[in-house]
């Protein structure tokens, strides 16, 4: 008996569309570290661990920690070569970071926590006064950025551990047993507010009295 094999072309299924926001920054040194940080954010979204609700695969964890270490080394390299000549031609750079809405939609609680704090660090890097220079980072601004980096380190330690077997951070049974919620308890939307914008007052309906039937 002859079994005939029919060769077909593979059908490529496109991946997910990740929502990002493009930010402008003049400081080349900060932009370099932010580029490494942005890739770390995207890896957390695309890694295999994010197919689960509360598990982090050891190899994913080690890769994320390695990439995060690159972010910190890029920044410290900039500080070690701070106040170098920048030339008379000024440039403006851009960096794409996950939108807050995209962060809210992250399925895996461990990835969501570390991504949220990395994004907060990125916001500080974009907001410091030195971000408006071509390459100089003032020591006071560097102190604020390092403080955010330390916070991210603590978040990594708490939620994902070291990547060694048995050292993978917190267990989160409420995420595992409930599965994926749609919509999630924190929704999937966030607004960007100006510093002077007042938060809207919550509208809560009156709660009816409850009678206990004996």
N, C-alpha and C. Protein backbone atom coordinates (compact mmCIF):
# COMPACT_ATOMS: atom_id res chain seq x y z
N UNK A 1 0.85 -1.19 0.00
CA UNK A 1 0.00 0.00 0.00
C UNK A 1 0.89 1.24 0.00
N UNK A 2 0.54 2.21 -0.80
CA UNK A 2 1.29 3.47 -0.88
C UNK A 2 0.45 4.58 -0.25
N UNK A 3 1.03 5.25 0.71
CA UNK A 3 0.37 6.41 1.32
C UNK A 3 0.96 7.67 0.71
N UNK A 4 0.13 8.43 0.09
CA UNK A 4 0.59 9.64 -0.58
C UNK A 4 0.54 10.82 0.38
N UNK A 5 1.60 11.58 0.42
CA UNK A 5 1.67 12.77 1.26
C UNK A 5 1.45 14.01 0.39
N UNK A 6 0.59 14.87 0.85
CA UNK A 6 0.30 16.10 0.13
C UNK A 6 1.00 17.26 0.83
N UNK A 7 1.92 17.86 0.13
CA UNK A 7 2.65 18.99 0.70
C UNK A 7 1.85 20.27 0.51
N UNK A 8 1.72 21.03 1.58
CA UNK A 8 0.99 22.30 1.53
C UNK A 8 1.87 23.40 2.11
N UNK A 9 1.56 24.62 1.74
CA UNK A 9 2.27 25.76 2.31
C UNK A 9 1.72 26.05 3.70
N UNK A 10 2.60 26.40 4.65
CA UNK A 10 2.11 26.70 6.00
C UNK A 10 1.25 27.95 6.01
N UNK A 11 0.21 27.92 6.83
CA UNK A 11 -0.65 29.09 7.00
C UNK A 11 -0.16 29.87 8.22
N UNK A 12 0.38 31.04 7.95
CA UNK A 12 0.93 31.86 9.03
C UNK A 12 -0.20 32.62 9.73
N UNK A 13 -0.31 32.41 11.02
CA UNK A 13 -1.30 33.13 11.82
C UNK A 13 -0.60 34.30 12.49
N UNK A 14 -1.07 35.49 12.24
CA UNK A 14 -0.46 36.67 12.82
C UNK A 14 -0.53 36.69 14.33
N UNK A 15 0.45 37.31 14.93
CA UNK A 15 0.48 37.42 16.39
C UNK A 15 -0.45 38.53 16.88
N UNK A 16 -0.45 38.73 18.17
CA UNK A 16 -1.30 39.74 18.77
C UNK A 16 -0.77 41.14 18.43
N UNK A 17 -1.65 42.09 18.51
CA UNK A 17 -1.27 43.50 18.32
C UNK A 17 -1.10 44.12 19.70
N UNK A 18 0.08 44.65 19.96
CA UNK A 18 0.39 45.24 21.26
C UNK A 18 0.29 46.75 21.14
N UNK A 19 -0.47 47.35 22.01
CA UNK A 19 -0.70 48.80 21.98
C UNK A 19 0.42 49.52 22.72
N UNK A 20 1.07 50.45 22.03
CA UNK A 20 2.16 51.22 22.63
C UNK A 20 1.90 52.72 22.43
N UNK A 21 2.57 53.51 23.24
CA UNK A 21 2.51 54.97 23.13
C UNK A 21 3.92 55.45 22.86
N UNK A 22 4.07 56.35 21.89
CA UNK A 22 5.38 56.89 21.55
C UNK A 22 5.62 58.18 22.32
N UNK A 23 6.75 58.21 23.03
CA UNK A 23 7.13 59.39 23.81
C UNK A 23 8.37 60.03 23.18
N UNK A 24 8.46 61.33 23.28
CA UNK A 24 9.64 62.06 22.79
C UNK A 24 10.57 62.36 23.95
N UNK A 25 11.86 62.27 23.69
CA UNK A 25 12.85 62.59 24.72
C UNK A 25 14.10 63.12 24.03
N UNK A 26 14.70 64.13 24.59
CA UNK A 26 15.87 64.76 23.97
C UNK A 26 17.18 64.11 24.44
N UNK A 27 17.15 63.51 25.62
CA UNK A 27 18.38 62.99 26.22
C UNK A 27 18.73 61.62 25.65
N UNK A 28 19.84 61.58 24.91
CA UNK A 28 20.26 60.34 24.26
C UNK A 28 20.58 59.25 25.27
N UNK A 29 21.23 59.61 26.37
CA UNK A 29 21.64 58.65 27.38
C UNK A 29 20.42 57.96 28.00
N UNK A 30 19.41 58.74 28.34
CA UNK A 30 18.20 58.16 28.91
C UNK A 30 17.45 57.34 27.87
N UNK A 31 17.45 57.81 26.62
CA UNK A 31 16.74 57.08 25.57
C UNK A 31 17.34 55.69 25.36
N UNK A 32 18.65 55.57 25.50
CA UNK A 32 19.31 54.28 25.33
C UNK A 32 18.84 53.28 26.38
N UNK A 33 18.79 53.73 27.64
CA UNK A 33 18.32 52.85 28.71
C UNK A 33 16.83 52.54 28.54
N UNK A 34 16.07 53.53 28.08
CA UNK A 34 14.63 53.31 27.87
C UNK A 34 14.37 52.31 26.75
N UNK A 35 15.24 52.29 25.75
CA UNK A 35 15.08 51.31 24.67
C UNK A 35 15.20 49.88 25.22
N UNK A 36 16.20 49.66 26.07
CA UNK A 36 16.36 48.35 26.69
C UNK A 36 15.18 48.03 27.60
N UNK A 37 14.67 49.04 28.30
CA UNK A 37 13.53 48.85 29.19
C UNK A 37 12.27 48.50 28.39
N UNK A 38 12.07 49.17 27.26
CA UNK A 38 10.89 48.90 26.43
C UNK A 38 10.89 47.46 25.94
N UNK A 39 12.05 46.96 25.55
CA UNK A 39 12.13 45.57 25.09
C UNK A 39 11.86 44.60 26.23
N UNK A 40 12.26 44.98 27.44
CA UNK A 40 11.97 44.14 28.61
C UNK A 40 10.46 44.08 28.86
N UNK A 41 9.79 45.22 28.72
CA UNK A 41 8.33 45.25 28.86
C UNK A 41 7.66 44.34 27.85
N UNK A 42 8.09 44.43 26.60
CA UNK A 42 7.48 43.63 25.54
C UNK A 42 7.76 42.15 25.73
N UNK A 43 8.94 41.81 26.24
CA UNK A 43 9.24 40.41 26.50
C UNK A 43 8.31 39.85 27.57
N UNK A 44 8.03 40.64 28.60
CA UNK A 44 7.12 40.20 29.66
C UNK A 44 5.73 39.92 29.11
N UNK A 45 5.32 40.69 28.10
CA UNK A 45 4.01 40.49 27.49
C UNK A 45 4.00 39.26 26.58
N UNK A 46 5.09 39.04 25.85
CA UNK A 46 5.14 37.99 24.84
C UNK A 46 5.68 36.65 25.35
N UNK A 47 6.26 36.60 26.53
CA UNK A 47 6.89 35.37 27.01
C UNK A 47 5.85 34.29 27.29
N UNK A 48 6.32 33.06 27.33
CA UNK A 48 5.44 31.90 27.53
C UNK A 48 4.72 31.96 28.87
N UNK A 49 5.37 32.55 29.86
CA UNK A 49 4.75 32.65 31.19
C UNK A 49 3.43 33.40 31.14
N UNK A 50 3.31 34.34 30.21
CA UNK A 50 2.10 35.15 30.13
C UNK A 50 0.92 34.39 29.55
N UNK A 51 1.11 33.12 29.18
CA UNK A 51 -0.01 32.27 28.79
C UNK A 51 -0.70 31.67 30.01
N UNK A 52 -0.15 31.90 31.18
CA UNK A 52 -0.75 31.41 32.43
C UNK A 52 -1.24 32.61 33.24
N UNK A 53 -1.98 32.32 34.31
CA UNK A 53 -2.49 33.39 35.16
C UNK A 53 -1.51 33.78 36.26
N UNK A 54 -0.70 32.83 36.74
CA UNK A 54 0.13 33.17 37.89
C UNK A 54 1.42 32.35 37.98
N UNK A 55 1.89 31.84 36.86
CA UNK A 55 3.13 31.06 36.87
C UNK A 55 4.20 31.81 36.10
N UNK A 56 5.44 31.69 36.56
CA UNK A 56 6.58 32.22 35.80
C UNK A 56 7.56 31.09 35.55
N UNK A 57 7.82 30.84 34.28
CA UNK A 57 8.74 29.78 33.88
C UNK A 57 10.16 30.21 34.25
N UNK A 58 10.97 29.31 34.84
CA UNK A 58 12.32 29.71 35.26
C UNK A 58 13.15 30.34 34.15
N UNK A 59 13.11 29.77 32.93
CA UNK A 59 13.92 30.33 31.84
C UNK A 59 13.43 31.72 31.46
N UNK A 60 12.11 31.95 31.48
CA UNK A 60 11.57 33.30 31.23
C UNK A 60 12.07 34.27 32.28
N UNK A 61 12.01 33.83 33.54
CA UNK A 61 12.41 34.70 34.64
C UNK A 61 13.87 35.11 34.52
N UNK A 62 14.73 34.15 34.21
CA UNK A 62 16.16 34.46 34.07
C UNK A 62 16.38 35.42 32.90
N UNK A 63 15.65 35.22 31.80
CA UNK A 63 15.80 36.11 30.64
C UNK A 63 15.34 37.53 30.97
N UNK A 64 14.24 37.65 31.70
CA UNK A 64 13.73 38.96 32.08
C UNK A 64 14.73 39.68 32.99
N UNK A 65 15.27 38.95 33.96
CA UNK A 65 16.24 39.54 34.88
C UNK A 65 17.51 39.96 34.15
N UNK A 66 17.93 39.18 33.16
CA UNK A 66 19.10 39.56 32.37
C UNK A 66 18.85 40.84 31.59
N UNK A 67 17.65 40.94 31.00
CA UNK A 67 17.33 42.15 30.24
C UNK A 67 17.21 43.36 31.17
N UNK A 68 16.63 43.17 32.34
CA UNK A 68 16.53 44.26 33.31
C UNK A 68 17.92 44.72 33.76
N UNK A 69 18.84 43.77 33.89
CA UNK A 69 20.22 44.11 34.25
C UNK A 69 20.86 44.98 33.16
N UNK A 70 20.51 44.74 31.90
CA UNK A 70 21.02 45.56 30.80
C UNK A 70 20.52 47.00 30.95
N UNK A 71 19.26 47.16 31.33
CA UNK A 71 18.70 48.51 31.54
C UNK A 71 19.56 49.26 32.56
N UNK A 72 19.83 48.62 33.68
CA UNK A 72 20.59 49.28 34.74
C UNK A 72 22.04 49.55 34.31
N UNK A 73 22.63 48.61 33.58
CA UNK A 73 24.01 48.81 33.12
C UNK A 73 24.09 49.93 32.09
N UNK A 74 23.09 50.02 31.20
CA UNK A 74 23.06 51.13 30.24
C UNK A 74 23.02 52.47 30.97
N UNK A 75 22.19 52.52 32.00
CA UNK A 75 22.07 53.78 32.75
C UNK A 75 23.37 54.11 33.48
N UNK A 76 23.98 53.12 34.13
CA UNK A 76 25.22 53.38 34.86
C UNK A 76 26.37 53.71 33.91
N UNK A 77 26.36 53.14 32.70
CA UNK A 77 27.35 53.52 31.70
C UNK A 77 27.21 55.01 31.37
N UNK A 78 25.95 55.45 31.25
CA UNK A 78 25.71 56.86 30.97
C UNK A 78 26.23 57.74 32.10
N UNK A 79 26.02 57.32 33.33
CA UNK A 79 26.49 58.13 34.46
C UNK A 79 28.02 58.13 34.53
N UNK A 80 28.63 57.01 34.14
CA UNK A 80 30.09 56.95 34.15
C UNK A 80 30.70 57.83 33.06
N UNK A 81 29.91 58.14 32.04
CA UNK A 81 30.38 58.99 30.93
C UNK A 81 29.50 60.23 30.83
N UNK A 82 29.13 60.75 31.99
CA UNK A 82 28.24 61.90 32.05
C UNK A 82 28.98 63.19 31.70
N UNK A 83 28.26 64.17 31.19
CA UNK A 83 28.80 65.51 30.92
C UNK A 83 29.90 65.48 29.85
N UNK A 84 29.74 64.58 28.88
CA UNK A 84 30.66 64.58 27.74
C UNK A 84 30.15 65.55 26.68
N UNK A 85 31.01 65.97 25.75
CA UNK A 85 30.55 66.89 24.69
C UNK A 85 29.39 66.29 23.89
N UNK A 86 28.45 67.14 23.52
CA UNK A 86 27.28 66.67 22.76
C UNK A 86 27.24 67.25 21.35
N UNK A 87 28.04 68.25 21.05
CA UNK A 87 28.01 68.85 19.73
C UNK A 87 26.93 69.90 19.61
N UNK A 88 26.98 70.66 18.52
CA UNK A 88 26.05 71.77 18.35
C UNK A 88 24.73 71.36 17.72
N UNK A 89 24.68 70.19 17.10
CA UNK A 89 23.44 69.72 16.49
C UNK A 89 22.59 68.99 17.53
N UNK A 90 21.41 69.50 17.77
CA UNK A 90 20.53 68.88 18.76
C UNK A 90 19.57 67.92 18.08
N UNK A 91 19.28 66.84 18.79
CA UNK A 91 18.37 65.82 18.26
C UNK A 91 17.25 65.56 19.25
N UNK A 92 16.15 65.11 18.73
CA UNK A 92 15.06 64.62 19.57
C UNK A 92 14.84 63.16 19.22
N UNK A 93 14.68 62.34 20.24
CA UNK A 93 14.50 60.91 20.06
C UNK A 93 13.10 60.50 20.50
N UNK A 94 12.72 59.30 20.16
CA UNK A 94 11.43 58.79 20.59
C UNK A 94 11.60 57.39 21.14
N UNK A 95 10.68 57.00 21.97
CA UNK A 95 10.68 55.66 22.55
C UNK A 95 9.24 55.18 22.66
N UNK A 96 8.99 53.94 22.28
CA UNK A 96 7.65 53.37 22.36
C UNK A 96 7.56 52.50 23.61
N UNK A 97 6.58 52.79 24.47
CA UNK A 97 6.35 52.03 25.68
C UNK A 97 4.93 51.49 25.68
N UNK A 98 4.73 50.38 26.37
CA UNK A 98 3.38 49.82 26.48
C UNK A 98 2.41 50.88 26.97
N UNK A 99 1.22 50.91 26.39
CA UNK A 99 0.20 51.81 26.90
C UNK A 99 -0.29 51.29 28.24
N UNK A 100 -0.80 52.19 29.07
CA UNK A 100 -1.32 51.77 30.37
C UNK A 100 -2.48 50.81 30.19
N UNK A 101 -3.25 51.00 29.15
CA UNK A 101 -4.37 50.09 28.87
C UNK A 101 -3.85 48.68 28.58
N UNK A 102 -2.75 48.61 27.85
CA UNK A 102 -2.15 47.29 27.54
C UNK A 102 -1.64 46.63 28.82
N UNK A 103 -1.06 47.43 29.71
CA UNK A 103 -0.58 46.89 30.99
C UNK A 103 -1.73 46.34 31.80
N UNK A 104 -2.85 47.07 31.81
CA UNK A 104 -4.02 46.61 32.56
C UNK A 104 -4.54 45.28 32.03
N UNK A 105 -4.28 44.98 30.76
CA UNK A 105 -4.81 43.76 30.15
C UNK A 105 -3.89 42.55 30.32
N UNK A 106 -2.71 42.74 30.92
CA UNK A 106 -1.79 41.61 31.07
C UNK A 106 -2.44 40.53 31.92
N UNK A 107 -2.38 39.31 31.42
CA UNK A 107 -3.09 38.20 32.06
C UNK A 107 -2.39 37.70 33.32
N UNK A 108 -1.07 37.55 33.25
CA UNK A 108 -0.31 36.95 34.33
C UNK A 108 -0.01 37.99 35.40
N UNK A 109 -0.43 37.73 36.62
CA UNK A 109 -0.29 38.72 37.69
C UNK A 109 1.17 39.04 37.97
N UNK A 110 2.06 38.06 37.86
CA UNK A 110 3.48 38.31 38.12
C UNK A 110 4.06 39.27 37.08
N UNK A 111 3.73 39.00 35.81
CA UNK A 111 4.20 39.88 34.75
C UNK A 111 3.59 41.28 34.89
N UNK A 112 2.33 41.31 35.29
CA UNK A 112 1.64 42.59 35.43
C UNK A 112 2.28 43.46 36.50
N UNK A 113 2.66 42.85 37.61
CA UNK A 113 3.26 43.61 38.71
C UNK A 113 4.63 44.17 38.31
N UNK A 114 5.47 43.34 37.72
CA UNK A 114 6.81 43.83 37.38
C UNK A 114 6.76 44.82 36.21
N UNK A 115 5.86 44.58 35.26
CA UNK A 115 5.70 45.53 34.15
C UNK A 115 5.21 46.87 34.66
N UNK A 116 4.27 46.85 35.58
CA UNK A 116 3.74 48.10 36.13
C UNK A 116 4.82 48.94 36.79
N UNK A 117 5.70 48.30 37.55
CA UNK A 117 6.77 49.06 38.23
C UNK A 117 7.86 49.50 37.26
N UNK A 118 8.15 48.67 36.25
CA UNK A 118 9.11 49.11 35.24
C UNK A 118 8.58 50.32 34.48
N UNK A 119 7.27 50.30 34.20
CA UNK A 119 6.67 51.44 33.51
C UNK A 119 6.74 52.69 34.38
N UNK A 120 6.54 52.55 35.70
CA UNK A 120 6.67 53.69 36.60
C UNK A 120 8.09 54.25 36.57
N UNK A 121 9.08 53.35 36.50
CA UNK A 121 10.47 53.80 36.39
C UNK A 121 10.68 54.56 35.08
N UNK A 122 10.09 54.05 34.01
CA UNK A 122 10.21 54.73 32.71
C UNK A 122 9.58 56.12 32.77
N UNK A 123 8.45 56.25 33.45
CA UNK A 123 7.79 57.56 33.57
C UNK A 123 8.69 58.57 34.27
N UNK A 124 9.39 58.11 35.31
CA UNK A 124 10.31 59.00 36.02
C UNK A 124 11.45 59.41 35.09
N UNK A 125 11.98 58.46 34.32
CA UNK A 125 13.07 58.78 33.40
C UNK A 125 12.63 59.79 32.35
N UNK A 126 11.39 59.69 31.92
CA UNK A 126 10.87 60.64 30.93
C UNK A 126 10.56 62.00 31.55
N UNK A 127 10.34 62.03 32.86
CA UNK A 127 9.84 63.24 33.51
C UNK A 127 10.92 64.07 34.19
N UNK A 128 12.09 63.49 34.47
CA UNK A 128 13.11 64.28 35.17
C UNK A 128 13.56 65.44 34.29
N UNK A 129 14.04 66.48 34.94
CA UNK A 129 14.43 67.69 34.22
C UNK A 129 15.57 67.42 33.23
N UNK A 130 16.45 66.46 33.58
CA UNK A 130 17.58 66.14 32.71
C UNK A 130 17.14 65.52 31.39
N UNK A 131 15.92 65.05 31.31
CA UNK A 131 15.43 64.47 30.06
C UNK A 131 15.39 65.50 28.94
N UNK A 132 15.45 66.77 29.30
CA UNK A 132 15.40 67.84 28.30
C UNK A 132 16.79 68.26 27.82
N UNK A 133 17.85 67.67 28.37
CA UNK A 133 19.20 67.97 27.89
C UNK A 133 19.57 66.95 26.81
N UNK A 134 20.70 67.18 26.14
CA UNK A 134 21.12 66.27 25.08
C UNK A 134 21.80 65.01 25.63
N UNK A 135 22.44 65.09 26.77
CA UNK A 135 23.13 63.91 27.24
C UNK A 135 23.51 63.92 28.71
N UNK A 136 23.34 65.07 29.36
CA UNK A 136 23.74 65.18 30.76
C UNK A 136 22.61 64.74 31.68
N UNK A 137 22.97 64.00 32.74
CA UNK A 137 21.99 63.57 33.74
C UNK A 137 22.44 64.09 35.09
N UNK A 138 21.68 65.01 35.65
CA UNK A 138 22.03 65.59 36.94
C UNK A 138 21.98 64.52 38.03
N UNK A 139 22.85 64.68 39.02
CA UNK A 139 22.95 63.67 40.08
C UNK A 139 21.64 63.52 40.84
N UNK A 140 20.92 64.62 41.04
CA UNK A 140 19.64 64.54 41.76
C UNK A 140 18.63 63.73 40.95
N UNK A 141 18.65 63.89 39.62
CA UNK A 141 17.75 63.10 38.77
C UNK A 141 18.18 61.64 38.74
N UNK A 142 19.49 61.41 38.70
CA UNK A 142 19.99 60.04 38.73
C UNK A 142 19.57 59.34 40.02
N UNK A 143 19.55 60.09 41.13
CA UNK A 143 19.11 59.52 42.40
C UNK A 143 17.66 59.08 42.35
N UNK A 144 16.81 59.88 41.71
CA UNK A 144 15.40 59.51 41.57
C UNK A 144 15.25 58.25 40.72
N UNK A 145 16.02 58.17 39.65
CA UNK A 145 15.94 57.01 38.75
C UNK A 145 16.44 55.75 39.46
N UNK A 146 17.56 55.87 40.17
CA UNK A 146 18.08 54.70 40.90
C UNK A 146 17.11 54.23 41.97
N UNK A 147 16.41 55.17 42.59
CA UNK A 147 15.41 54.80 43.60
C UNK A 147 14.30 53.96 42.95
N UNK A 148 13.90 54.33 41.75
CA UNK A 148 12.89 53.55 41.03
C UNK A 148 13.44 52.18 40.62
N UNK A 149 14.71 52.14 40.22
CA UNK A 149 15.33 50.86 39.87
C UNK A 149 15.34 49.92 41.08
N UNK A 150 15.66 50.47 42.26
CA UNK A 150 15.66 49.65 43.47
C UNK A 150 14.27 49.11 43.78
N UNK A 151 13.26 49.93 43.53
CA UNK A 151 11.88 49.49 43.73
C UNK A 151 11.54 48.33 42.80
N UNK A 152 11.96 48.44 41.53
CA UNK A 152 11.72 47.36 40.58
C UNK A 152 12.44 46.09 41.01
N UNK A 153 13.68 46.22 41.50
CA UNK A 153 14.42 45.07 42.00
C UNK A 153 13.64 44.35 43.10
N UNK A 154 13.08 45.14 44.03
CA UNK A 154 12.30 44.55 45.13
C UNK A 154 11.05 43.86 44.60
N UNK A 155 10.43 44.45 43.58
CA UNK A 155 9.25 43.84 42.99
C UNK A 155 9.60 42.51 42.33
N UNK A 156 10.73 42.48 41.61
CA UNK A 156 11.19 41.23 41.01
C UNK A 156 11.41 40.16 42.08
N UNK A 157 12.08 40.53 43.16
CA UNK A 157 12.37 39.58 44.23
C UNK A 157 11.07 39.01 44.80
N UNK A 158 10.07 39.86 45.01
CA UNK A 158 8.82 39.42 45.62
C UNK A 158 8.00 38.54 44.68
N UNK A 159 7.89 38.93 43.39
CA UNK A 159 6.94 38.27 42.51
C UNK A 159 7.53 37.19 41.62
N UNK A 160 8.78 37.31 41.18
CA UNK A 160 9.32 36.31 40.25
C UNK A 160 10.57 35.61 40.77
N UNK A 161 11.18 36.09 41.84
CA UNK A 161 12.32 35.41 42.41
C UNK A 161 13.56 35.52 41.55
N UNK A 162 14.39 34.48 41.61
CA UNK A 162 15.67 34.49 40.92
C UNK A 162 15.65 33.71 39.61
N UNK A 163 14.61 32.90 39.41
CA UNK A 163 14.57 32.05 38.22
C UNK A 163 15.08 30.65 38.48
N UNK A 164 15.62 30.41 39.67
CA UNK A 164 16.03 29.06 40.05
C UNK A 164 14.79 28.26 40.46
N UNK A 165 14.84 26.96 40.25
CA UNK A 165 13.70 26.12 40.62
C UNK A 165 13.44 26.24 42.11
N UNK A 166 12.20 26.51 42.48
CA UNK A 166 11.85 26.70 43.88
C UNK A 166 12.02 28.13 44.36
N UNK A 167 12.55 29.01 43.51
CA UNK A 167 12.71 30.43 43.88
C UNK A 167 12.04 31.28 42.80
N UNK A 168 10.73 31.16 42.73
CA UNK A 168 9.97 31.82 41.67
C UNK A 168 8.94 32.81 42.21
N UNK A 169 9.19 33.34 43.38
CA UNK A 169 8.34 34.39 43.91
C UNK A 169 7.04 33.88 44.51
N UNK A 170 6.13 34.82 44.70
CA UNK A 170 4.87 34.52 45.37
C UNK A 170 3.98 33.59 44.56
N UNK A 171 3.20 32.78 45.28
CA UNK A 171 2.09 32.04 44.66
C UNK A 171 0.85 32.90 44.78
N UNK A 172 -0.02 32.82 43.77
CA UNK A 172 -1.22 33.67 43.75
C UNK A 172 -2.45 32.82 43.44
N UNK A 173 -2.95 32.08 44.44
CA UNK A 173 -4.06 31.15 44.19
C UNK A 173 -5.35 31.83 43.72
N UNK A 174 -5.59 33.08 44.13
CA UNK A 174 -6.82 33.76 43.72
C UNK A 174 -6.81 34.04 42.21
N UNK A 175 -5.65 34.12 41.61
CA UNK A 175 -5.56 34.30 40.16
C UNK A 175 -5.63 32.95 39.46
N UNK A 176 -5.08 31.93 40.11
CA UNK A 176 -5.01 30.61 39.50
C UNK A 176 -6.37 29.92 39.53
N UNK A 177 -7.04 29.95 40.66
CA UNK A 177 -8.30 29.23 40.81
C UNK A 177 -9.45 29.92 40.07
N UNK A 178 -9.42 31.26 40.06
CA UNK A 178 -10.49 31.98 39.37
C UNK A 178 -10.33 31.94 37.86
N UNK A 179 -9.11 31.77 37.40
CA UNK A 179 -8.87 31.82 35.95
C UNK A 179 -8.90 33.25 35.45
N UNK A 180 -9.17 33.43 34.19
CA UNK A 180 -9.16 34.75 33.57
C UNK A 180 -10.54 35.39 33.71
N UNK A 181 -10.57 36.62 34.21
CA UNK A 181 -11.82 37.35 34.39
C UNK A 181 -11.99 38.35 33.25
N UNK A 182 -13.21 38.44 32.73
CA UNK A 182 -13.49 39.40 31.66
C UNK A 182 -14.80 40.12 31.98
N UNK A 183 -14.78 41.42 32.27
CA UNK A 183 -13.58 42.24 32.45
C UNK A 183 -12.90 41.93 33.78
N UNK A 184 -11.63 42.29 33.88
CA UNK A 184 -10.89 42.04 35.11
C UNK A 184 -11.37 43.00 36.19
N UNK A 185 -11.01 42.70 37.43
CA UNK A 185 -11.47 43.53 38.55
C UNK A 185 -10.90 44.94 38.50
N UNK A 186 -9.77 45.13 37.82
CA UNK A 186 -9.22 46.48 37.69
C UNK A 186 -9.49 47.05 36.30
N UNK A 187 -10.45 46.41 35.60
CA UNK A 187 -10.85 46.85 34.26
C UNK A 187 -9.67 46.73 33.31
N UNK A 188 -9.80 47.32 32.14
CA UNK A 188 -8.70 47.27 31.17
C UNK A 188 -8.45 48.65 30.60
N UNK A 189 -8.76 49.66 31.41
CA UNK A 189 -8.64 51.02 30.89
C UNK A 189 -8.08 51.93 31.96
N UNK A 190 -7.21 52.82 31.56
CA UNK A 190 -6.65 53.81 32.46
C UNK A 190 -6.59 55.15 31.75
N UNK A 191 -6.80 56.23 32.47
CA UNK A 191 -6.75 57.57 31.89
C UNK A 191 -5.46 58.26 32.30
N UNK A 192 -4.96 59.09 31.41
CA UNK A 192 -3.81 59.94 31.73
C UNK A 192 -4.34 61.29 32.18
N UNK A 193 -3.99 61.68 33.40
CA UNK A 193 -4.49 62.93 33.96
C UNK A 193 -3.36 63.93 34.06
N UNK A 194 -3.67 65.17 33.76
CA UNK A 194 -2.72 66.24 34.03
C UNK A 194 -2.61 66.42 35.55
N UNK A 195 -1.48 66.95 36.03
CA UNK A 195 -1.32 67.09 37.49
C UNK A 195 -2.43 67.89 38.15
N UNK A 196 -3.04 68.83 37.42
CA UNK A 196 -4.06 69.69 38.02
C UNK A 196 -5.47 69.14 37.85
N UNK A 197 -5.58 67.99 37.19
CA UNK A 197 -6.91 67.47 36.90
C UNK A 197 -7.50 66.81 38.15
N UNK A 198 -8.74 67.15 38.45
CA UNK A 198 -9.41 66.57 39.61
C UNK A 198 -9.98 65.20 39.24
N UNK A 199 -9.85 64.26 40.17
CA UNK A 199 -10.43 62.94 39.94
C UNK A 199 -11.94 63.02 40.05
N UNK A 200 -12.68 62.33 39.19
CA UNK A 200 -14.14 62.36 39.28
C UNK A 200 -14.63 61.66 40.55
N UNK A 201 -15.71 62.19 41.09
CA UNK A 201 -16.29 61.58 42.28
C UNK A 201 -17.00 60.28 41.88
N UNK A 202 -16.81 59.20 42.66
CA UNK A 202 -17.50 57.95 42.33
C UNK A 202 -19.00 58.09 42.57
N UNK A 203 -19.77 57.45 41.73
CA UNK A 203 -21.23 57.47 41.88
C UNK A 203 -21.66 56.09 42.37
N UNK A 204 -22.00 56.04 43.64
CA UNK A 204 -22.38 54.77 44.23
C UNK A 204 -23.89 54.76 44.50
N UNK A 205 -24.58 53.74 44.06
CA UNK A 205 -26.01 53.68 44.33
C UNK A 205 -26.27 53.40 45.80
N UNK A 206 -27.47 53.82 46.27
CA UNK A 206 -27.85 53.48 47.63
C UNK A 206 -27.95 51.96 47.75
N UNK A 207 -27.49 51.47 48.88
CA UNK A 207 -27.53 50.02 49.12
C UNK A 207 -28.79 49.71 49.91
N UNK A 208 -29.56 48.82 49.38
CA UNK A 208 -30.81 48.45 50.05
C UNK A 208 -30.50 47.70 51.34
N UNK A 209 -31.39 47.90 52.34
CA UNK A 209 -31.24 47.16 53.58
C UNK A 209 -31.40 45.67 53.32
N UNK A 210 -30.65 44.88 54.04
CA UNK A 210 -30.69 43.44 53.87
C UNK A 210 -31.30 42.81 55.10
N UNK A 211 -32.33 42.03 54.90
CA UNK A 211 -32.96 41.31 56.01
C UNK A 211 -32.48 39.87 56.00
N UNK A 212 -32.08 39.39 57.14
CA UNK A 212 -31.61 38.00 57.26
C UNK A 212 -32.78 37.12 57.60
N UNK A 213 -33.06 36.16 56.73
CA UNK A 213 -34.16 35.23 56.96
C UNK A 213 -33.71 34.14 57.91
N UNK A 214 -34.40 34.00 59.01
CA UNK A 214 -34.07 32.96 59.99
C UNK A 214 -34.91 31.72 59.74
